[in-house]
Amino acid sequence: MGYVKRMTMTLVVMFIAGCSSSQPPAPPVKTVYEPRPQQLDRAREVQKTIDENAEQMRKALENQERGDKP
C-alpha cells in the first residue's frame, strides 16, 4: 500500500511541475472592454445634458401654464 501512495504522490508532483511555466506571464492583451470607462463617462455626460434639458422644458411649461411670458 505504501508503494501506491508514493507513486501517486510522485505523479502529482510531476504533473504540477510539468504544467508550471518557467517564463513570466505575458502582458495582458488589450480587449474590447478597455474603452468601457470612457464610454461610461461619456454616457454620464449625455445623461446630465438630457436631465438639464428636461428641467428647462419643465420650467418653461410651468411658466406657460401660469401665463408668464418666456
PDB file of N, CA and C in Angstrom:
ATOM      1  N   MET A   1       0.824  -1.197   0.000  1.00  0.00           N
ATOM      2  CA  MET A   1       0.000   0.000   0.000  1.00  0.00           C
ATOM      3  C   MET A   1       0.862   1.252   0.000  1.00  0.00           C
ATOM      4  N   GLY A   2       2.019   1.202   0.672  1.00  0.00           N
ATOM      5  CA  GLY A   2       2.917   2.340   0.716  1.00  0.00           C
ATOM      6  C   GLY A   2       3.463   2.673  -0.661  1.00  0.00           C
ATOM      7  N   TYR A   3       3.648   1.648  -1.484  1.00  0.00           N
ATOM      8  CA  TYR A   3       4.158   1.843  -2.830  1.00  0.00           C
ATOM      9  C   TYR A   3       3.159   2.650  -3.674  1.00  0.00           C
ATOM     10  N   VAL A   4       1.888   2.381  -3.521  1.00  0.00           N
ATOM     11  CA  VAL A   4       0.842   3.079  -4.287  1.00  0.00           C
ATOM     12  C   VAL A   4       0.782   4.545  -3.871  1.00  0.00           C
ATOM     13  N   LYS A   5       0.901   4.814  -2.584  1.00  0.00           N
ATOM     14  CA  LYS A   5       0.869   6.197  -2.110  1.00  0.00           C
ATOM     15  C   LYS A   5       2.059   6.985  -2.643  1.00  0.00           C
ATOM     16  N   ARG A   6       3.236   6.373  -2.599  1.00  0.00           N
ATOM     17  CA  ARG A   6       4.435   7.057  -3.100  1.00  0.00           C
ATOM     18  C   ARG A   6       4.324   7.319  -4.600  1.00  0.00           C
ATOM     19  N   MET A   7       3.838   6.356  -5.346  1.00  0.00           N
ATOM     20  CA  MET A   7       3.694   6.511  -6.787  1.00  0.00           C
ATOM     21  C   MET A   7       2.670   7.605  -7.100  1.00  0.00           C
ATOM     22  N   THR A   8       1.594   7.655  -6.344  1.00  0.00           N
ATOM     23  CA  THR A   8       0.576   8.675  -6.549  1.00  0.00           C
ATOM     24  C   THR A   8       1.140  10.059  -6.263  1.00  0.00           C
ATOM     25  N   MET A   9       1.871  10.207  -5.169  1.00  0.00           N
ATOM     26  CA  MET A   9       2.470  11.495  -4.827  1.00  0.00           C
ATOM     27  C   MET A   9       3.500  11.914  -5.874  1.00  0.00           C
ATOM     28  N   THR A  10       4.266  10.958  -6.359  1.00  0.00           N
ATOM     29  CA  THR A  10       5.265  11.248  -7.389  1.00  0.00           C
ATOM     30  C   THR A  10       4.585  11.736  -8.664  1.00  0.00           C
ATOM     31  N   LEU A  11       3.516  11.093  -9.057  1.00  0.00           N
ATOM     32  CA  LEU A  11       2.782  11.502 -10.255  1.00  0.00           C
ATOM     33  C   LEU A  11       2.169  12.896 -10.093  1.00  0.00           C
ATOM     34  N   VAL A  12       1.657  13.193  -8.913  1.00  0.00           N
ATOM     35  CA  VAL A  12       1.068  14.505  -8.651  1.00  0.00           C
ATOM     36  C   VAL A  12       2.132  15.587  -8.751  1.00  0.00           C
ATOM     37  N   VAL A  13       3.286  15.364  -8.132  1.00  0.00           N
ATOM     38  CA  VAL A  13       4.379  16.346  -8.174  1.00  0.00           C
ATOM     39  C   VAL A  13       4.866  16.532  -9.607  1.00  0.00           C
ATOM     40  N   MET A  14       5.006  15.446 -10.348  1.00  0.00           N
ATOM     41  CA  MET A  14       5.462  15.540 -11.739  1.00  0.00           C
ATOM     42  C   MET A  14       4.437  16.290 -12.599  1.00  0.00           C
ATOM     43  N   PHE A  15       3.176  16.070 -12.361  1.00  0.00           N
ATOM     44  CA  PHE A  15       2.123  16.754 -13.111  1.00  0.00           C
ATOM     45  C   PHE A  15       2.159  18.256 -12.838  1.00  0.00           C
ATOM     46  N   ILE A  16       2.284  18.637 -11.580  1.00  0.00           N
ATOM     47  CA  ILE A  16       2.340  20.061 -11.220  1.00  0.00           C
ATOM     48  C   ILE A  16       3.591  20.701 -11.806  1.00  0.00           C
ATOM     49  N   ALA A  17       4.717  20.039 -11.716  1.00  0.00           N
ATOM     50  CA  ALA A  17       5.963  20.577 -12.255  1.00  0.00           C
ATOM     51  C   ALA A  17       5.902  20.683 -13.775  1.00  0.00           C
ATOM     52  N   GLY A  18       5.266  19.745 -14.417  1.00  0.00           N
ATOM     53  CA  GLY A  18       5.159  19.765 -15.870  1.00  0.00           C
ATOM     54  C   GLY A  18       4.229  20.847 -16.376  1.00  0.00           C
ATOM     55  N   CYS A  19       3.229  21.208 -15.610  1.00  0.00           N
ATOM     56  CA  CYS A  19       2.266  22.225 -16.036  1.00  0.00           C
ATOM     57  C   CYS A  19       2.734  23.645 -15.730  1.00  0.00           C
ATOM     58  N   SER A  20       3.674  23.799 -14.810  1.00  0.00           N
ATOM     59  CA  SER A  20       4.117  25.137 -14.463  1.00  0.00           C
ATOM     60  C   SER A  20       5.042  25.668 -15.551  1.00  0.00           C
ATOM     61  N   SER A  21       5.040  26.973 -15.734  1.00  0.00           N
ATOM     62  CA  SER A  21       5.849  27.606 -16.758  1.00  0.00           C
ATOM     63  C   SER A  21       7.044  28.291 -16.126  1.00  0.00           C
ATOM     64  N   SER A  22       8.192  28.180 -16.772  1.00  0.00           N
ATOM     65  CA  SER A  22       9.382  28.832 -16.241  1.00  0.00           C
ATOM     66  C   SER A  22       9.473  30.282 -16.716  1.00  0.00           C
ATOM     67  N   GLN A  23       8.687  30.646 -17.720  1.00  0.00           N
ATOM     68  CA  GLN A  23       8.687  32.005 -18.236  1.00  0.00           C
ATOM     69  C   GLN A  23       7.650  32.842 -17.485  1.00  0.00           C
ATOM     70  N   PRO A  24       7.916  34.158 -17.331  1.00  0.00           N
ATOM     71  CA  PRO A  24       6.911  35.011 -16.685  1.00  0.00           C
ATOM     72  C   PRO A  24       5.687  35.143 -17.582  1.00  0.00           C
ATOM     73  N   PRO A  25       4.541  35.426 -17.012  1.00  0.00           N
ATOM     74  CA  PRO A  25       3.328  35.540 -17.824  1.00  0.00           C
ATOM     75  C   PRO A  25       3.423  36.719 -18.789  1.00  0.00           C
ATOM     76  N   ALA A  26       2.766  36.594 -19.918  1.00  0.00           N
ATOM     77  CA  ALA A  26       2.772  37.642 -20.929  1.00  0.00           C
ATOM     78  C   ALA A  26       1.956  38.840 -20.445  1.00  0.00           C
ATOM     79  N   PRO A  27       2.269  40.031 -20.917  1.00  0.00           N
ATOM     80  CA  PRO A  27       1.478  41.198 -20.511  1.00  0.00           C
ATOM     81  C   PRO A  27       0.039  41.055 -21.004  1.00  0.00           C
ATOM     82  N   PRO A  28      -0.889  41.642 -20.289  1.00  0.00           N
ATOM     83  CA  PRO A  28      -2.292  41.483 -20.674  1.00  0.00           C
ATOM     84  C   PRO A  28      -2.556  42.063 -22.064  1.00  0.00           C
ATOM     85  N   VAL A  29      -3.377  41.377 -22.806  1.00  0.00           N
ATOM     86  CA  VAL A  29      -3.734  41.794 -24.154  1.00  0.00           C
ATOM     87  C   VAL A  29      -4.908  42.768 -24.072  1.00  0.00           C
ATOM     88  N   LYS A  30      -4.845  43.827 -24.863  1.00  0.00           N
ATOM     89  CA  LYS A  30      -5.959  44.772 -24.857  1.00  0.00           C
ATOM     90  C   LYS A  30      -7.193  44.093 -25.434  1.00  0.00           C
ATOM     91  N   THR A  31      -8.309  44.349 -24.806  1.00  0.00           N
ATOM     92  CA  THR A  31      -9.560  43.731 -25.231  1.00  0.00           C
ATOM     93  C   THR A  31     -10.557  44.802 -25.633  1.00  0.00           C
ATOM     94  N   VAL A  32     -11.707  44.360 -26.060  1.00  0.00           N
ATOM     95  CA  VAL A  32     -12.756  45.304 -26.444  1.00  0.00           C
ATOM     96  C   VAL A  32     -13.342  46.016 -25.232  1.00  0.00           C
ATOM     97  N   TYR A  33     -13.026  45.551 -24.036  1.00  0.00           N
ATOM     98  CA  TYR A  33     -13.574  46.154 -22.826  1.00  0.00           C
ATOM     99  C   TYR A  33     -12.727  47.316 -22.311  1.00  0.00           C
ATOM    100  N   GLU A  34     -11.588  47.590 -22.919  1.00  0.00           N
ATOM    101  CA  GLU A  34     -10.711  48.674 -22.483  1.00  0.00           C
ATOM    102  C   GLU A  34     -11.404  50.037 -22.501  1.00  0.00           C
ATOM    103  N   PRO A  35     -12.100  50.410 -23.567  1.00  0.00           N
ATOM    104  CA  PRO A  35     -12.686  51.752 -23.603  1.00  0.00           C
ATOM    105  C   PRO A  35     -13.946  51.896 -22.747  1.00  0.00           C
ATOM    106  N   ARG A  36     -14.317  50.879 -22.028  1.00  0.00           N
ATOM    107  CA  ARG A  36     -15.566  50.920 -21.271  1.00  0.00           C
ATOM    108  C   ARG A  36     -15.654  52.087 -20.282  1.00  0.00           C
ATOM    109  N   PRO A  37     -14.634  52.379 -19.468  1.00  0.00           N
ATOM    110  CA  PRO A  37     -14.742  53.517 -18.545  1.00  0.00           C
ATOM    111  C   PRO A  37     -14.964  54.838 -19.284  1.00  0.00           C
ATOM    112  N   GLN A  38     -14.323  54.997 -20.438  1.00  0.00           N
ATOM    113  CA  GLN A  38     -14.521  56.222 -21.201  1.00  0.00           C
ATOM    114  C   GLN A  38     -15.949  56.297 -21.720  1.00  0.00           C
ATOM    115  N   GLN A  39     -16.495  55.170 -22.132  1.00  0.00           N
ATOM    116  CA  GLN A  39     -17.871  55.151 -22.610  1.00  0.00           C
ATOM    117  C   GLN A  39     -18.842  55.471 -21.479  1.00  0.00           C
ATOM    118  N   LEU A  40     -18.558  54.973 -20.288  1.00  0.00           N
ATOM    119  CA  LEU A  40     -19.434  55.257 -19.155  1.00  0.00           C
ATOM    120  C   LEU A  40     -19.408  56.743 -18.799  1.00  0.00           C
ATOM    121  N   ASP A  41     -18.220  57.356 -18.829  1.00  0.00           N
ATOM    122  CA  ASP A  41     -18.117  58.787 -18.554  1.00  0.00           C
ATOM    123  C   ASP A  41     -18.885  59.585 -19.596  1.00  0.00           C
ATOM    124  N   ARG A  42     -18.752  59.184 -20.834  1.00  0.00           N
ATOM    125  CA  ARG A  42     -19.469  59.879 -21.910  1.00  0.00           C
ATOM    126  C   ARG A  42     -20.981  59.730 -21.739  1.00  0.00           C
ATOM    127  N   ALA A  43     -21.424  58.548 -21.372  1.00  0.00           N
ATOM    128  CA  ALA A  43     -22.853  58.318 -21.162  1.00  0.00           C
ATOM    129  C   ALA A  43     -23.373  59.154 -19.998  1.00  0.00           C
ATOM    130  N   ARG A  44     -22.578  59.299 -18.948  1.00  0.00           N
ATOM    131  CA  ARG A  44     -22.993  60.135 -17.813  1.00  0.00           C
ATOM    132  C   ARG A  44     -23.130  61.593 -18.236  1.00  0.00           C
ATOM    133  N   GLU A  45     -22.206  62.073 -19.085  1.00  0.00           N
ATOM    134  CA  GLU A  45     -22.295  63.447 -19.567  1.00  0.00           C
ATOM    135  C   GLU A  45     -23.543  63.649 -20.414  1.00  0.00           C
ATOM    136  N   VAL A  46     -23.845  62.677 -21.257  1.00  0.00           N
ATOM    137  CA  VAL A  46     -25.048  62.766 -22.094  1.00  0.00           C
ATOM    138  C   VAL A  46     -26.292  62.769 -21.215  1.00  0.00           C
ATOM    139  N   GLN A  47     -26.315  61.901 -20.199  1.00  0.00           N
ATOM    140  CA  GLN A  47     -27.470  61.858 -19.303  1.00  0.00           C
ATOM    141  C   GLN A  47     -27.632  63.177 -18.560  1.00  0.00           C
ATOM    142  N   LYS A  48     -26.526  63.781 -18.159  1.00  0.00           N
ATOM    143  CA  LYS A  48     -26.577  65.069 -17.468  1.00  0.00           C
ATOM    144  C   LYS A  48     -27.179  66.135 -18.389  1.00  0.00           C
ATOM    145  N   THR A  49     -26.778  66.140 -19.659  1.00  0.00           N
ATOM    146  CA  THR A  49     -27.315  67.088 -20.626  1.00  0.00           C
ATOM    147  C   THR A  49     -28.812  66.874 -20.825  1.00  0.00           C
ATOM    148  N   ILE A  50     -29.221  65.624 -20.931  1.00  0.00           N
ATOM    149  CA  ILE A  50     -30.641  65.315 -21.104  1.00  0.00           C
ATOM    150  C   ILE A  50     -31.437  65.775 -19.890  1.00  0.00           C
ATOM    151  N   ASP A  51     -30.912  65.527 -18.697  1.00  0.00           N
ATOM    152  CA  ASP A  51     -31.601  65.945 -17.470  1.00  0.00           C
ATOM    153  C   ASP A  51     -31.729  67.469 -17.404  1.00  0.00           C
ATOM    154  N   GLU A  52     -30.675  68.185 -17.797  1.00  0.00           N
ATOM    155  CA  GLU A  52     -30.722  69.648 -17.781  1.00  0.00           C
ATOM    156  C   GLU A  52     -31.769  70.157 -18.765  1.00  0.00           C
ATOM    157  N   ASN A  53     -31.808  69.575 -19.961  1.00  0.00           N
ATOM    158  CA  ASN A  53     -32.801  69.990 -20.958  1.00  0.00           C
ATOM    159  C   ASN A  53     -34.218  69.678 -20.490  1.00  0.00           C
ATOM    160  N   ALA A  54     -34.412  68.554 -19.847  1.00  0.00           N
ATOM    161  CA  ALA A  54     -35.731  68.195 -19.337  1.00  0.00           C
ATOM    162  C   ALA A  54     -36.164  69.175 -18.249  1.00  0.00           C
ATOM    163  N   GLU A  55     -35.232  69.581 -17.397  1.00  0.00           N
ATOM    164  CA  GLU A  55     -35.551  70.543 -16.338  1.00  0.00           C
ATOM    165  C   GLU A  55     -35.938  71.897 -16.939  1.00  0.00           C
ATOM    166  N   GLN A  56     -35.208  72.336 -17.964  1.00  0.00           N
ATOM    167  CA  GLN A  56     -35.547  73.594 -18.627  1.00  0.00           C
ATOM    168  C   GLN A  56     -36.916  73.517 -19.281  1.00  0.00           C
ATOM    169  N   MET A  57     -37.216  72.405 -19.910  1.00  0.00           N
ATOM    170  CA  MET A  57     -38.520  72.213 -20.556  1.00  0.00           C
ATOM    171  C   MET A  57     -39.630  72.219 -19.517  1.00  0.00           C
ATOM    172  N   ARG A  58     -39.403  71.557 -18.385  1.00  0.00           N
ATOM    173  CA  ARG A  58     -40.419  71.518 -17.337  1.00  0.00           C
ATOM    174  C   ARG A  58     -40.695  72.918 -16.802  1.00  0.00           C
ATOM    175  N   LYS A  59     -39.642  73.700 -16.585  1.00  0.00           N
ATOM    176  CA  LYS A  59     -39.817  75.066 -16.094  1.00  0.00           C
ATOM    177  C   LYS A  59     -40.547  75.923 -17.110  1.00  0.00           C
ATOM    178  N   ALA A  60     -40.208  75.762 -18.392  1.00  0.00           N
ATOM    179  CA  ALA A  60     -40.879  76.531 -19.441  1.00  0.00           C
ATOM    180  C   ALA A  60     -42.366  76.189 -19.502  1.00  0.00           C
ATOM    181  N   LEU A  61     -42.694  74.912 -19.356  1.00  0.00           N
ATOM    182  CA  LEU A  61     -44.107  74.507 -19.372  1.00  0.00           C
ATOM    183  C   LEU A  61     -44.853  75.056 -18.161  1.00  0.00           C
ATOM    184  N   GLU A  62     -44.220  75.026 -16.987  1.00  0.00           N
ATOM    185  CA  GLU A  62     -44.865  75.583 -15.794  1.00  0.00           C
ATOM    186  C   GLU A  62     -45.108  77.080 -15.957  1.00  0.00           C
ATOM    187  N   ASN A  63     -44.133  77.791 -16.507  1.00  0.00           N
ATOM    188  CA  ASN A  63     -44.299  79.238 -16.743  1.00  0.00           C
ATOM    189  C   ASN A  63     -45.422  79.490 -17.745  1.00  0.00           C
ATOM    190  N   GLN A  64     -45.498  78.656 -18.771  1.00  0.00           N
ATOM    191  CA  GLN A  64     -46.532  78.826 -19.786  1.00  0.00           C
ATOM    192  C   GLN A  64     -47.911  78.539 -19.196  1.00  0.00           C
ATOM    193  N   GLU A  65     -48.030  77.553 -18.324  1.00  0.00           N
ATOM    194  CA  GLU A  65     -49.307  77.235 -17.694  1.00  0.00           C
ATOM    195  C   GLU A  65     -49.777  78.379 -16.800  1.00  0.00           C
ATOM    196  N   ARG A  66     -48.831  79.053 -16.139  1.00  0.00           N
ATOM    197  CA  ARG A  66     -49.184  80.166 -15.271  1.00  0.00           C
ATOM    198  C   ARG A  66     -49.475  81.441 -16.069  1.00  0.00           C
ATOM    199  N   GLY A  67     -49.125  81.437 -17.340  1.00  0.00           N
ATOM    200  CA  GLY A  67     -49.365  82.608 -18.163  1.00  0.00           C
ATOM    201  C   GLY A  67     -48.206  83.573 -18.173  1.00  0.00           C
ATOM    202  N   ASP A  68     -47.079  83.183 -17.626  1.00  0.00           N
ATOM    203  CA  ASP A  68     -45.891  84.040 -17.650  1.00  0.00           C
ATOM    204  C   ASP A  68     -45.342  84.096 -19.070  1.00  0.00           C
ATOM    205  N   LYS A  69     -44.689  85.210 -19.376  1.00  0.00           N
ATOM    206  CA  LYS A  69     -44.049  85.329 -20.685  1.00  0.00           C
ATOM    207  C   LYS A  69     -42.686  84.646 -20.627  1.00  0.00           C
ATOM    208  N   PRO A  70     -42.281  84.023 -21.734  1.00  0.00           N
ATOM    209  CA  PRO A  70     -40.985  83.328 -21.743  1.00  0.00           C
ATOM    210  C   PRO A  70     -39.802  84.269 -21.681  1.00  0.00           C
TER     211      PRO A  70
END
